[in-house]
Amino acid sequence: MGYFIPKSTQVFVNAWAISTDEKYWEEPLSFKPERFLGSKIDFKGQHYEYIPFGAGRRSCPGLPLGDRMMHFVLGTLLHEFDWELDSSTTPNTIDMNEKIGLAMRKLEPLMVVPIKRNV
């Protein structure tokens, strides 16, 4: 591409810019989890429109374990508990602003109350 990068330079990939590129995402700053349902998005970092785990040789070595554990833990929490917003929050007052850093997270934590199911 014509870039000269001096030896020993640290190069960072701007994952936030990639994952909010309007070329790939309709309304990229809107929370729309349904955009991933049935999609062919390669979250393992081979096509670079979405790279939460890095890409190529520098991709996260914990990706396979993290992927399996995320499904296991989330499935267990959803199976064992019903979830309600805390008394100070309504669906219309949930703050969806983000805090940008090494990992992106919500600016204000979402407070929910787990209610044990009688399964």
Foldseek 3Di string as FASTA:
>chain_A
DPDDDDPPDDDDDPQVCLQQPCVPDDRSLDDDPCVPVPDPDDQVAPVRSHDLQHHDPPGHPCVVVVVVVVCVVVVVQVVFWDKDFPPVDDPVPDQQDWDDDPHIDRPDDGHMDTDGDPD
